[in-house]
């Protein structure tokens, strides 16, 4: 039998701050840029009852870990459950099984922050957030660790939600955070734009982006849905977390390509390629850049391993046993 650690969401919820997640995820994408294997999500959908089962995986050799997410969403409960199996990348032995719910906005926010850090202007100080949920908060808190934000404008369709978001973030950040009445008002004069929504159609007009703006889009990952319009993709240098997503679930790119606005040559490359300087990131102050952050196991494994190590040091979690196949597959 092999011992592994079972960690609940509460076990790991206070083990790291946004800067810790950003550091772990940055190193993970560096490893990806140097050849670490990772695959886009696989999503299985059912109509009755409506729901989906999603998986994705990655191996981070230098971290010494591999694994990913498996989560179910929807169905009769109309909720979601995130499980993160983590394995040792040298021995293959299980290290942990983690309830990944509490880390989700932080590790996803960290991926957005790393993309922002390598693609946004160094002097970027104003940010527009479209969306006001947990993912939007995770993005803002993480980006605040890589840029000296002065002003943040937030828009979501529900007035109460955007005002609550602004009030909470004003207390947490040094930046001035204000709710605005439209996405156009948020995007106007913003150096950085973050979309963190469940919208099926574009959430702002690409013509409203100022030259030099960086956009991180992380909301919808579905070939039939999009947060960004074709005009944004047409104007921008386009970078993904995983290039293979361009033809599978990067809805904004897929729809813009179908409209004839962009083609495969307009995919600039992956985030990891920018980090290791295989391709250039931003090349001018006037350039518009987009990071399509649909979510990968790269940030998931990086965050999970960091939390596993810290939980182990603090004696958290419960030991669980796994039987190796050599013992369990006896046929008896």
C-alpha atoms as a PDB file:
ATOM      1  CA  UNK A   1       0.000   0.000   0.000  1.00  0.00           C
ATOM      2  CA  UNK A   2       1.069   3.587  -0.644  1.00  0.00           C
ATOM      3  CA  UNK A   3       0.165   6.460   1.635  1.00  0.00           C
ATOM      4  CA  UNK A   4      -1.262   9.649   0.136  1.00  0.00           C
ATOM      5  CA  UNK A   5      -2.753  12.740   1.707  1.00  0.00           C
ATOM      6  CA  UNK A   6      -6.392  13.708   1.487  1.00  0.00           C
ATOM      7  CA  UNK A   7      -6.802  17.472   1.798  1.00  0.00           C
ATOM      8  CA  UNK A   8     -10.151  19.207   2.129  1.00  0.00           C
ATOM      9  CA  UNK A   9     -10.838  22.675   0.819  1.00  0.00           C
ATOM     10  CA  UNK A  10     -10.582  24.016   4.367  1.00  0.00           C
ATOM     11  CA  UNK A  11      -7.200  22.284   4.833  1.00  0.00           C
ATOM     12  CA  UNK A  12      -5.630  24.307   2.027  1.00  0.00           C
ATOM     13  CA  UNK A  13      -7.650  27.529   1.941  1.00  0.00           C
ATOM     14  CA  UNK A  14      -5.223  29.589   4.054  1.00  0.00           C
ATOM     15  CA  UNK A  15      -1.873  28.114   2.995  1.00  0.00           C
ATOM     16  CA  UNK A  16      -0.893  30.624   0.306  1.00  0.00           C
ATOM     17  CA  UNK A  17      -1.480  34.204  -0.744  1.00  0.00           C
ATOM     18  CA  UNK A  18      -1.911  35.462  -4.333  1.00  0.00           C
ATOM     19  CA  UNK A  19       1.807  36.134  -4.751  1.00  0.00           C
ATOM     20  CA  UNK A  20       2.613  32.539  -3.791  1.00  0.00           C
ATOM     21  CA  UNK A  21       0.245  31.214  -6.430  1.00  0.00           C
ATOM     22  CA  UNK A  22       1.690  33.553  -9.058  1.00  0.00           C
ATOM     23  CA  UNK A  23       5.252  32.411  -8.339  1.00  0.00           C
ATOM     24  CA  UNK A  24       4.313  28.721  -8.543  1.00  0.00           C
ATOM     25  CA  UNK A  25       2.295  29.148 -11.731  1.00  0.00           C
ATOM     26  CA  UNK A  26       4.983  31.277 -13.412  1.00  0.00           C
ATOM     27  CA  UNK A  27       7.536  28.527 -12.830  1.00  0.00           C
ATOM     28  CA  UNK A  28       5.100  25.912 -14.132  1.00  0.00           C
ATOM     29  CA  UNK A  29       4.597  27.782 -17.407  1.00  0.00           C
ATOM     30  CA  UNK A  30       8.360  28.150 -17.699  1.00  0.00           C
ATOM     31  CA  UNK A  31       8.553  24.368 -17.520  1.00  0.00           C
ATOM     32  CA  UNK A  32       5.853  24.166 -20.175  1.00  0.00           C
ATOM     33  CA  UNK A  33       7.931  26.472 -22.359  1.00  0.00           C
ATOM     34  CA  UNK A  34      10.840  24.087 -21.920  1.00  0.00           C
ATOM     35  CA  UNK A  35       8.761  21.100 -23.014  1.00  0.00           C
ATOM     36  CA  UNK A  36       6.674  19.898 -20.053  1.00  0.00           C
ATOM     37  CA  UNK A  37       3.694  17.933 -21.406  1.00  0.00           C
ATOM     38  CA  UNK A  38       0.138  19.176 -20.983  1.00  0.00           C
ATOM     39  CA  UNK A  39      -3.161  18.636 -22.756  1.00  0.00           C
ATOM     40  CA  UNK A  40      -6.305  20.761 -23.075  1.00  0.00           C
ATOM     41  CA  UNK A  41      -9.439  19.803 -21.205  1.00  0.00           C
ATOM     42  CA  UNK A  42     -11.684  16.984 -22.244  1.00  0.00           C
ATOM     43  CA  UNK A  43     -15.314  17.695 -21.541  1.00  0.00           C
ATOM     44  CA  UNK A  44     -18.112  15.141 -21.623  1.00  0.00           C
ATOM     45  CA  UNK A  45     -21.617  16.631 -21.662  1.00  0.00           C
ATOM     46  CA  UNK A  46     -24.964  15.057 -20.867  1.00  0.00           C
ATOM     47  CA  UNK A  47     -28.350  16.561 -21.620  1.00  0.00           C
ATOM     48  CA  UNK A  48     -30.528  14.569 -19.227  1.00  0.00           C
ATOM     49  CA  UNK A  49     -29.782  15.510 -16.555  1.00  0.00           C
ATOM     50  CA  UNK A  50     -27.819  18.508 -17.888  1.00  0.00           C
ATOM     51  CA  UNK A  51     -24.207  18.535 -16.734  1.00  0.00           C
ATOM     52  CA  UNK A  52     -20.611  17.875 -17.665  1.00  0.00           C
ATOM     53  CA  UNK A  53     -17.553  15.915 -16.563  1.00  0.00           C
ATOM     54  CA  UNK A  54     -14.262  17.639 -17.286  1.00  0.00           C
ATOM     55  CA  UNK A  55     -10.656  16.453 -17.019  1.00  0.00           C
ATOM     56  CA  UNK A  56      -7.226  17.780 -17.897  1.00  0.00           C
ATOM     57  CA  UNK A  57      -3.667  16.811 -17.025  1.00  0.00           C
ATOM     58  CA  UNK A  58      -0.054  17.991 -17.026  1.00  0.00           C
ATOM     59  CA  UNK A  59       3.391  16.817 -15.950  1.00  0.00           C
ATOM     60  CA  UNK A  60       5.805  19.275 -14.291  1.00  0.00           C
ATOM     61  CA  UNK A  61       9.145  17.414 -14.181  1.00  0.00           C
ATOM     62  CA  UNK A  62      11.119  19.984 -12.183  1.00  0.00           C
ATOM     63  CA  UNK A  63       8.318  20.392  -9.658  1.00  0.00           C
ATOM     64  CA  UNK A  64       8.242  16.621  -9.363  1.00  0.00           C
ATOM     65  CA  UNK A  65       4.490  16.383  -9.761  1.00  0.00           C
ATOM     66  CA  UNK A  66       1.834  15.487 -12.265  1.00  0.00           C
ATOM     67  CA  UNK A  67      -1.929  15.343 -12.216  1.00  0.00           C
ATOM     68  CA  UNK A  68      -4.759  17.747 -12.928  1.00  0.00           C
ATOM     69  CA  UNK A  69      -8.426  18.379 -12.402  1.00  0.00           C
ATOM     70  CA  UNK A  70     -11.436  16.150 -12.655  1.00  0.00           C
ATOM     71  CA  UNK A  71     -14.691  17.900 -11.933  1.00  0.00           C
ATOM     72  CA  UNK A  72     -18.382  17.426 -12.354  1.00  0.00           C
ATOM     73  CA  UNK A  73     -20.713  20.379 -12.799  1.00  0.00           C
ATOM     74  CA  UNK A  74     -24.442  20.810 -13.160  1.00  0.00           C
ATOM     75  CA  UNK A  75     -26.597  17.699 -13.054  1.00  0.00           C
ATOM     76  CA  UNK A  76     -29.356  17.540 -10.473  1.00  0.00           C
ATOM     77  CA  UNK A  77     -27.581  19.635  -7.849  1.00  0.00           C
ATOM     78  CA  UNK A  78     -26.665  22.460 -10.245  1.00  0.00           C
ATOM     79  CA  UNK A  79     -23.310  22.746  -8.518  1.00  0.00           C
ATOM     80  CA  UNK A  80     -19.691  21.683  -9.086  1.00  0.00           C
ATOM     81  CA  UNK A  81     -17.140  19.454  -7.355  1.00  0.00           C
ATOM     82  CA  UNK A  82     -13.419  19.749  -8.053  1.00  0.00           C
ATOM     83  CA  UNK A  83     -11.071  16.839  -7.396  1.00  0.00           C
ATOM     84  CA  UNK A  84      -7.317  17.163  -7.892  1.00  0.00           C
ATOM     85  CA  UNK A  85      -5.294  13.946  -7.972  1.00  0.00           C
ATOM     86  CA  UNK A  86      -1.577  14.629  -7.545  1.00  0.00           C
ATOM     87  CA  UNK A  87       1.180  12.123  -8.350  1.00  0.00           C
ATOM     88  CA  UNK A  88       4.955  12.009  -8.027  1.00  0.00           C
ATOM     89  CA  UNK A  89       6.352  12.522 -11.532  1.00  0.00           C
ATOM     90  CA  UNK A  90       9.361  10.240 -10.930  1.00  0.00           C
ATOM     91  CA  UNK A  91       7.802   7.252  -9.182  1.00  0.00           C
ATOM     92  CA  UNK A  92       4.224   7.672 -10.380  1.00  0.00           C
ATOM     93  CA  UNK A  93       3.005   7.138  -6.828  1.00  0.00           C
ATOM     94  CA  UNK A  94       0.017   9.121  -5.575  1.00  0.00           C
ATOM     95  CA  UNK A  95       0.900  12.072  -3.359  1.00  0.00           C
ATOM     96  CA  UNK A  96      -2.467  13.599  -2.598  1.00  0.00           C
ATOM     97  CA  UNK A  97      -6.123  13.912  -3.427  1.00  0.00           C
ATOM     98  CA  UNK A  98      -7.183  17.515  -2.956  1.00  0.00           C
ATOM     99  CA  UNK A  99     -10.591  19.163  -2.908  1.00  0.00           C
ATOM    100  CA  UNK A 100      -9.693  21.842  -5.430  1.00  0.00           C
ATOM    101  CA  UNK A 101     -12.580  24.246  -4.943  1.00  0.00           C
ATOM    102  CA  UNK A 102     -10.922  26.829  -2.708  1.00  0.00           C
ATOM    103  CA  UNK A 103      -7.748  27.037  -4.775  1.00  0.00           C
ATOM    104  CA  UNK A 104      -9.582  27.430  -8.074  1.00  0.00           C
ATOM    105  CA  UNK A 105      -9.907  31.243  -8.252  1.00  0.00           C
ATOM    106  CA  UNK A 106      -6.356  31.670  -6.939  1.00  0.00           C
ATOM    107  CA  UNK A 107      -4.592  29.344  -9.373  1.00  0.00           C
ATOM    108  CA  UNK A 108      -6.690  30.637 -12.290  1.00  0.00           C
ATOM    109  CA  UNK A 109      -6.052  34.207 -11.208  1.00  0.00           C
ATOM    110  CA  UNK A 110      -2.344  33.431 -11.037  1.00  0.00           C
ATOM    111  CA  UNK A 111      -2.343  32.222 -14.644  1.00  0.00           C
ATOM    112  CA  UNK A 112      -4.026  35.461 -15.684  1.00  0.00           C
ATOM    113  CA  UNK A 113      -1.490  37.468 -13.708  1.00  0.00           C
ATOM    114  CA  UNK A 114       1.476  35.698 -15.312  1.00  0.00           C
ATOM    115  CA  UNK A 115      -0.001  36.371 -18.746  1.00  0.00           C
ATOM    116  CA  UNK A 116      -0.555  39.995 -17.790  1.00  0.00           C
ATOM    117  CA  UNK A 117       2.962  40.339 -16.450  1.00  0.00           C
ATOM    118  CA  UNK A 118       4.648  39.205 -19.678  1.00  0.00           C
ATOM    119  CA  UNK A 119       2.244  40.913 -22.096  1.00  0.00           C
ATOM    120  CA  UNK A 120       0.988  44.140 -20.486  1.00  0.00           C
ATOM    121  CA  UNK A 121       2.982  47.368 -20.538  1.00  0.00           C
ATOM    122  CA  UNK A 122       5.284  47.686 -17.559  1.00  0.00           C
ATOM    123  CA  UNK A 123       3.694  51.021 -16.650  1.00  0.00           C
ATOM    124  CA  UNK A 124       0.127  49.685 -16.792  1.00  0.00           C
ATOM    125  CA  UNK A 125      -1.747  51.016 -13.753  1.00  0.00           C
ATOM    126  CA  UNK A 126      -5.451  51.005 -14.644  1.00  0.00           C
ATOM    127  CA  UNK A 127      -7.549  47.873 -14.937  1.00  0.00           C
ATOM    128  CA  UNK A 128     -11.060  47.046 -16.108  1.00  0.00           C
ATOM    129  CA  UNK A 129     -12.754  43.946 -14.738  1.00  0.00           C
ATOM    130  CA  UNK A 130     -15.789  42.590 -16.541  1.00  0.00           C
ATOM    131  CA  UNK A 131     -17.419  40.223 -14.051  1.00  0.00           C
ATOM    132  CA  UNK A 132     -17.808  40.305 -10.292  1.00  0.00           C
ATOM    133  CA  UNK A 133     -17.694  36.712  -9.083  1.00  0.00           C
ATOM    134  CA  UNK A 134     -15.004  34.673  -7.349  1.00  0.00           C
ATOM    135  CA  UNK A 135     -12.960  34.317 -10.530  1.00  0.00           C
ATOM    136  CA  UNK A 136     -12.972  38.070 -11.105  1.00  0.00           C
ATOM    137  CA  UNK A 137     -11.735  38.613  -7.547  1.00  0.00           C
ATOM    138  CA  UNK A 138      -9.007  36.033  -8.038  1.00  0.00           C
ATOM    139  CA  UNK A 139      -7.842  37.727 -11.237  1.00  0.00           C
ATOM    140  CA  UNK A 140      -7.747  41.175  -9.661  1.00  0.00           C
ATOM    141  CA  UNK A 141      -5.913  40.088  -6.516  1.00  0.00           C
ATOM    142  CA  UNK A 142      -3.300  38.206  -8.536  1.00  0.00           C
ATOM    143  CA  UNK A 143      -2.739  40.982 -11.096  1.00  0.00           C
ATOM    144  CA  UNK A 144      -2.285  43.414  -8.225  1.00  0.00           C
ATOM    145  CA  UNK A 145       0.880  41.466  -7.334  1.00  0.00           C
ATOM    146  CA  UNK A 146       2.489  42.021 -10.769  1.00  0.00           C
ATOM    147  CA  UNK A 147       1.475  45.629 -11.495  1.00  0.00           C
ATOM    148  CA  UNK A 148       1.195  48.744  -9.359  1.00  0.00           C
ATOM    149  CA  UNK A 149      -2.507  49.303  -9.871  1.00  0.00           C
ATOM    150  CA  UNK A 150      -3.914  52.738  -9.152  1.00  0.00           C
ATOM    151  CA  UNK A 151      -7.435  52.536 -10.578  1.00  0.00           C
ATOM    152  CA  UNK A 152      -9.805  49.614 -11.128  1.00  0.00           C
ATOM    153  CA  UNK A 153     -13.208  49.832 -12.806  1.00  0.00           C
ATOM    154  CA  UNK A 154     -15.595  46.895 -12.482  1.00  0.00           C
ATOM    155  CA  UNK A 155     -18.697  46.152 -14.457  1.00  0.00           C
ATOM    156  CA  UNK A 156     -21.211  43.335 -14.220  1.00  0.00           C
ATOM    157  CA  UNK A 157     -24.857  43.487 -15.273  1.00  0.00           C
ATOM    158  CA  UNK A 158     -26.214  43.372 -11.717  1.00  0.00           C
ATOM    159  CA  UNK A 159     -25.683  46.718  -9.989  1.00  0.00           C
ATOM    160  CA  UNK A 160     -25.578  45.201  -6.512  1.00  0.00           C
ATOM    161  CA  UNK A 161     -22.944  42.665  -7.516  1.00  0.00           C
ATOM    162  CA  UNK A 162     -20.549  45.192  -9.053  1.00  0.00           C
ATOM    163  CA  UNK A 163     -20.952  47.565  -6.111  1.00  0.00           C
ATOM    164  CA  UNK A 164     -20.322  44.773  -3.603  1.00  0.00           C
ATOM    165  CA  UNK A 165     -17.232  43.768  -5.559  1.00  0.00           C
ATOM    166  CA  UNK A 166     -15.919  47.339  -5.588  1.00  0.00           C
ATOM    167  CA  UNK A 167     -16.540  47.752  -1.867  1.00  0.00           C
ATOM    168  CA  UNK A 168     -14.790  44.508  -0.934  1.00  0.00           C
ATOM    169  CA  UNK A 169     -11.779  45.103  -3.207  1.00  0.00           C
ATOM    170  CA  UNK A 170     -11.431  48.709  -2.048  1.00  0.00           C
ATOM    171  CA  UNK A 171     -10.852  47.386   1.456  1.00  0.00           C
ATOM    172  CA  UNK A 172      -8.347  44.750   0.300  1.00  0.00           C
ATOM    173  CA  UNK A 173      -6.271  46.669  -2.274  1.00  0.00           C
ATOM    174  CA  UNK A 174      -4.401  49.958  -2.307  1.00  0.00           C
ATOM    175  CA  UNK A 175      -5.921  50.785  -5.702  1.00  0.00           C
ATOM    176  CA  UNK A 176      -9.129  52.785  -6.011  1.00  0.00           C
ATOM    177  CA  UNK A 177     -11.874  50.360  -7.109  1.00  0.00           C
ATOM    178  CA  UNK A 178     -15.133  51.726  -8.520  1.00  0.00           C
ATOM    179  CA  UNK A 179     -18.235  50.197 -10.072  1.00  0.00           C
ATOM    180  CA  UNK A 180     -19.331  51.549 -13.448  1.00  0.00           C
ATOM    181  CA  UNK A 181     -22.595  51.225 -15.349  1.00  0.00           C
ATOM    182  CA  UNK A 182     -21.333  49.663 -18.588  1.00  0.00           C
ATOM    183  CA  UNK A 183     -18.502  47.603 -19.994  1.00  0.00           C
ATOM    184  CA  UNK A 184     -17.670  50.492 -22.321  1.00  0.00           C
ATOM    185  CA  UNK A 185     -17.125  52.753 -19.313  1.00  0.00           C
ATOM    186  CA  UNK A 186     -14.885  50.141 -17.710  1.00  0.00           C
ATOM    187  CA  UNK A 187     -12.762  49.540 -20.805  1.00  0.00           C
ATOM    188  CA  UNK A 188     -12.314  53.201 -21.684  1.00  0.00           C
ATOM    189  CA  UNK A 189      -8.720  54.270 -20.879  1.00  0.00           C
ATOM    190  CA  UNK A 190      -7.931  50.937 -19.173  1.00  0.00           C
ATOM    191  CA  UNK A 191      -4.374  49.660 -19.560  1.00  0.00           C
ATOM    192  CA  UNK A 192      -5.468  46.107 -18.691  1.00  0.00           C
ATOM    193  CA  UNK A 193      -8.850  44.476 -19.302  1.00  0.00           C
ATOM    194  CA  UNK A 194      -9.923  41.231 -17.624  1.00  0.00           C
ATOM    195  CA  UNK A 195     -13.020  39.305 -18.636  1.00  0.00           C
ATOM    196  CA  UNK A 196     -14.210  36.796 -16.040  1.00  0.00           C
ATOM    197  CA  UNK A 197     -17.806  36.054 -16.955  1.00  0.00           C
ATOM    198  CA  UNK A 198     -20.144  33.283 -18.037  1.00  0.00           C
ATOM    199  CA  UNK A 199     -21.338  35.353 -20.996  1.00  0.00           C
ATOM    200  CA  UNK A 200     -21.944  33.601 -24.309  1.00  0.00           C
ATOM    201  CA  UNK A 201     -21.393  36.699 -26.458  1.00  0.00           C
ATOM    202  CA  UNK A 202     -18.738  39.452 -26.459  1.00  0.00           C
ATOM    203  CA  UNK A 203     -18.739  41.586 -23.334  1.00  0.00           C
ATOM    204  CA  UNK A 204     -17.185  44.695 -24.877  1.00  0.00           C
ATOM    205  CA  UNK A 205     -16.548  46.278 -28.265  1.00  0.00           C
ATOM    206  CA  UNK A 206     -13.004  45.720 -29.510  1.00  0.00           C
ATOM    207  CA  UNK A 207     -12.969  49.158 -31.126  1.00  0.00           C
ATOM    208  CA  UNK A 208     -13.120  50.652 -27.627  1.00  0.00           C
ATOM    209  CA  UNK A 209      -9.689  49.296 -26.674  1.00  0.00           C
ATOM    210  CA  UNK A 210      -7.000  51.923 -26.507  1.00  0.00           C
ATOM    211  CA  UNK A 211      -3.685  51.215 -28.264  1.00  0.00           C
ATOM    212  CA  UNK A 212      -1.351  49.472 -25.830  1.00  0.00           C
ATOM    213  CA  UNK A 213      -4.086  47.674 -23.894  1.00  0.00           C
ATOM    214  CA  UNK A 214      -3.613  44.133 -22.646  1.00  0.00           C
ATOM    215  CA  UNK A 215      -6.629  41.795 -22.370  1.00  0.00           C
ATOM    216  CA  UNK A 216      -6.828  38.624 -20.300  1.00  0.00           C
ATOM    217  CA  UNK A 217      -9.907  36.549 -21.140  1.00  0.00           C
ATOM    218  CA  UNK A 218     -10.677  33.612 -18.870  1.00  0.00           C
ATOM    219  CA  UNK A 219     -14.443  33.209 -18.743  1.00  0.00           C
ATOM    220  CA  UNK A 220     -15.917  30.966 -21.417  1.00  0.00           C
ATOM    221  CA  UNK A 221     -14.103  27.948 -22.855  1.00  0.00           C
ATOM    222  CA  UNK A 222     -16.497  26.590 -25.418  1.00  0.00           C
ATOM    223  CA  UNK A 223     -16.214  26.533 -29.225  1.00  0.00           C
ATOM    224  CA  UNK A 224     -19.703  28.021 -29.523  1.00  0.00           C
ATOM    225  CA  UNK A 225     -19.216  30.818 -26.982  1.00  0.00           C
ATOM    226  CA  UNK A 226     -16.961  33.837 -26.657  1.00  0.00           C
ATOM    227  CA  UNK A 227     -16.186  36.806 -24.430  1.00  0.00           C
ATOM    228  CA  UNK A 228     -14.121  38.673 -27.046  1.00  0.00           C
ATOM    229  CA  UNK A 229     -15.408  39.894 -30.384  1.00  0.00           C
ATOM    230  CA  UNK A 230     -13.676  39.378 -33.710  1.00  0.00           C
ATOM    231  CA  UNK A 231     -12.494  42.996 -33.751  1.00  0.00           C
ATOM    232  CA  UNK A 232     -10.467  42.454 -30.569  1.00  0.00           C
ATOM    233  CA  UNK A 233      -8.777  39.388 -32.067  1.00  0.00           C
ATOM    234  CA  UNK A 234      -8.168  41.242 -35.325  1.00  0.00           C
ATOM    235  CA  UNK A 235      -6.348  44.066 -33.528  1.00  0.00           C
ATOM    236  CA  UNK A 236      -4.342  41.965 -31.076  1.00  0.00           C
ATOM    237  CA  UNK A 237      -1.292  39.789 -30.665  1.00  0.00           C
ATOM    238  CA  UNK A 238      -2.969  36.560 -29.540  1.00  0.00           C
ATOM    239  CA  UNK A 239      -1.368  34.221 -26.964  1.00  0.00           C
ATOM    240  CA  UNK A 240      -2.927  31.142 -25.354  1.00  0.00           C
ATOM    241  CA  UNK A 241      -2.115  29.067 -22.306  1.00  0.00           C
ATOM    242  CA  UNK A 242      -2.061  25.973 -24.570  1.00  0.00           C
ATOM    243  CA  UNK A 243      -1.932  26.418 -28.330  1.00  0.00           C
ATOM    244  CA  UNK A 244      -3.910  23.206 -28.869  1.00  0.00           C
ATOM    245  CA  UNK A 245      -6.931  25.004 -27.394  1.00  0.00           C
ATOM    246  CA  UNK A 246      -7.124  27.234 -30.474  1.00  0.00           C
ATOM    247  CA  UNK A 247      -9.101  24.582 -32.342  1.00  0.00           C
ATOM    248  CA  UNK A 248     -10.928  22.941 -29.443  1.00  0.00           C
ATOM    249  CA  UNK A 249     -12.458  25.360 -26.940  1.00  0.00           C
ATOM    250  CA  UNK A 250     -11.026  28.844 -27.608  1.00  0.00           C
ATOM    251  CA  UNK A 251     -14.411  30.141 -28.675  1.00  0.00           C
ATOM    252  CA  UNK A 252     -13.368  33.730 -29.338  1.00  0.00           C
ATOM    253  CA  UNK A 253     -10.640  32.628 -31.752  1.00  0.00           C
ATOM    254  CA  UNK A 254     -12.751  29.885 -33.335  1.00  0.00           C
ATOM    255  CA  UNK A 255     -15.607  32.307 -34.044  1.00  0.00           C
ATOM    256  CA  UNK A 256     -13.270  35.013 -35.375  1.00  0.00           C
ATOM    257  CA  UNK A 257     -11.599  32.438 -37.611  1.00  0.00           C
ATOM    258  CA  UNK A 258     -14.958  31.245 -38.933  1.00  0.00           C
ATOM    259  CA  UNK A 259     -15.785  34.870 -39.780  1.00  0.00           C
ATOM    260  CA  UNK A 260     -12.573  35.116 -41.808  1.00  0.00           C
ATOM    261  CA  UNK A 261     -11.096  37.800 -39.558  1.00  0.00           C
ATOM    262  CA  UNK A 262      -8.125  35.727 -38.339  1.00  0.00           C
ATOM    263  CA  UNK A 263      -6.450  32.460 -39.325  1.00  0.00           C
ATOM    264  CA  UNK A 264      -4.074  29.952 -37.766  1.00  0.00           C
ATOM    265  CA  UNK A 265      -1.074  32.174 -38.470  1.00  0.00           C
ATOM    266  CA  UNK A 266      -2.573  34.765 -36.119  1.00  0.00           C
ATOM    267  CA  UNK A 267      -1.936  32.466 -33.146  1.00  0.00           C
ATOM    268  CA  UNK A 268       1.239  34.030 -31.810  1.00  0.00           C
ATOM    269  CA  UNK A 269       2.049  31.118 -29.496  1.00  0.00           C
ATOM    270  CA  UNK A 270       1.835  29.923 -25.918  1.00  0.00           C
ATOM    271  CA  UNK A 271       2.451  31.696 -22.638  1.00  0.00           C
ATOM    272  CA  UNK A 272       5.331  29.348 -21.830  1.00  0.00           C
ATOM    273  CA  UNK A 273       7.017  30.245 -25.116  1.00  0.00           C
ATOM    274  CA  UNK A 274       6.944  33.913 -24.139  1.00  0.00           C
ATOM    275  CA  UNK A 275       8.335  33.197 -20.672  1.00  0.00           C
ATOM    276  CA  UNK A 276      11.358  31.301 -22.040  1.00  0.00           C
ATOM    277  CA  UNK A 277      11.857  33.924 -24.799  1.00  0.00           C
ATOM    278  CA  UNK A 278      11.174  31.495 -27.632  1.00  0.00           C
ATOM    279  CA  UNK A 279       8.778  34.089 -29.011  1.00  0.00           C
ATOM    280  CA  UNK A 280       8.456  37.773 -28.282  1.00  0.00           C
ATOM    281  CA  UNK A 281       5.738  39.074 -26.036  1.00  0.00           C
ATOM    282  CA  UNK A 282       4.843  42.727 -26.301  1.00  0.00           C
ATOM    283  CA  UNK A 283       7.064  44.519 -28.824  1.00  0.00           C
ATOM    284  CA  UNK A 284       5.717  48.073 -28.649  1.00  0.00           C
ATOM    285  CA  UNK A 285       3.853  50.391 -26.320  1.00  0.00           C
ATOM    286  CA  UNK A 286       1.035  50.699 -28.876  1.00  0.00           C
ATOM    287  CA  UNK A 287       0.491  46.969 -29.376  1.00  0.00           C
ATOM    288  CA  UNK A 288      -2.738  45.368 -28.171  1.00  0.00           C
ATOM    289  CA  UNK A 289      -2.208  41.939 -26.618  1.00  0.00           C
ATOM    290  CA  UNK A 290      -4.591  39.148 -25.630  1.00  0.00           C
ATOM    291  CA  UNK A 291      -3.963  36.240 -23.286  1.00  0.00           C
ATOM    292  CA  UNK A 292      -6.617  33.554 -23.732  1.00  0.00           C
ATOM    293  CA  UNK A 293      -6.561  31.777 -20.374  1.00  0.00           C
ATOM    294  CA  UNK A 294      -9.100  29.004 -20.686  1.00  0.00           C
ATOM    295  CA  UNK A 295      -7.581  26.967 -17.868  1.00  0.00           C
ATOM    296  CA  UNK A 296      -5.063  24.134 -17.912  1.00  0.00           C
ATOM    297  CA  UNK A 297      -3.605  21.546 -15.586  1.00  0.00           C
ATOM    298  CA  UNK A 298      -0.332  23.477 -15.668  1.00  0.00           C
ATOM    299  CA  UNK A 299      -1.513  25.957 -13.061  1.00  0.00           C
ATOM    300  CA  UNK A 300      -3.563  23.262 -11.324  1.00  0.00           C
ATOM    301  CA  UNK A 301      -0.608  20.937 -10.715  1.00  0.00           C
ATOM    302  CA  UNK A 302       1.644  23.838  -9.709  1.00  0.00           C
ATOM    303  CA  UNK A 303      -0.835  25.140  -7.153  1.00  0.00           C
ATOM    304  CA  UNK A 304      -1.770  21.687  -5.882  1.00  0.00           C
ATOM    305  CA  UNK A 305       1.839  20.672  -5.296  1.00  0.00           C
ATOM    306  CA  UNK A 306       2.592  23.920  -3.453  1.00  0.00           C
ATOM    307  CA  UNK A 307      -0.431  23.363  -1.204  1.00  0.00           C
ATOM    308  CA  UNK A 308       0.438  19.694  -0.684  1.00  0.00           C
ATOM    309  CA  UNK A 309       3.943  20.579   0.495  1.00  0.00           C
ATOM    310  CA  UNK A 310       2.708  23.275   2.857  1.00  0.00           C
ATOM    311  CA  UNK A 311      -0.046  21.082   4.248  1.00  0.00           C
ATOM    312  CA  UNK A 312       2.466  18.291   4.844  1.00  0.00           C
ATOM    313  CA  UNK A 313       4.752  20.663   6.725  1.00  0.00           C
ATOM    314  CA  UNK A 314       1.868  21.750   8.969  1.00  0.00           C
ATOM    315  CA  UNK A 315       0.492  18.279   9.584  1.00  0.00           C
ATOM    316  CA  UNK A 316      -2.799  18.867   7.819  1.00  0.00           C
ATOM    317  CA  UNK A 317      -4.970  16.348   6.039  1.00  0.00           C
ATOM    318  CA  UNK A 318      -5.654  12.660   6.474  1.00  0.00           C
ATOM    319  CA  UNK A 319      -3.596   9.744   5.253  1.00  0.00           C
ATOM    320  CA  UNK A 320      -5.303   7.457   2.755  1.00  0.00           C
ATOM    321  CA  UNK A 321      -4.034   4.199   1.265  1.00  0.00           C
ATOM    322  CA  UNK A 322      -3.747   3.242  -2.384  1.00  0.00           C
ATOM    323  CA  UNK A 323      -2.935  -0.275  -3.525  1.00  0.00           C
ATOM    324  CA  UNK A 324      -0.346  -0.472  -6.310  1.00  0.00           C
ATOM    325  CA  UNK A 325      -1.523  -2.307  -9.393  1.00  0.00           C
ATOM    326  CA  UNK A 326       1.033  -5.063  -8.779  1.00  0.00           C
ATOM    327  CA  UNK A 327      -0.900  -5.937  -5.598  1.00  0.00           C
ATOM    328  CA  UNK A 328      -4.443  -5.098  -6.627  1.00  0.00           C
ATOM    329  CA  UNK A 329      -4.540  -6.597 -10.139  1.00  0.00           C
ATOM    330  CA  UNK A 330      -4.220 -10.179  -8.973  1.00  0.00           C
ATOM    331  CA  UNK A 331      -7.256 -11.512 -10.772  1.00  0.00           C
ATOM    332  CA  UNK A 332      -8.403 -13.247  -7.609  1.00  0.00           C
END
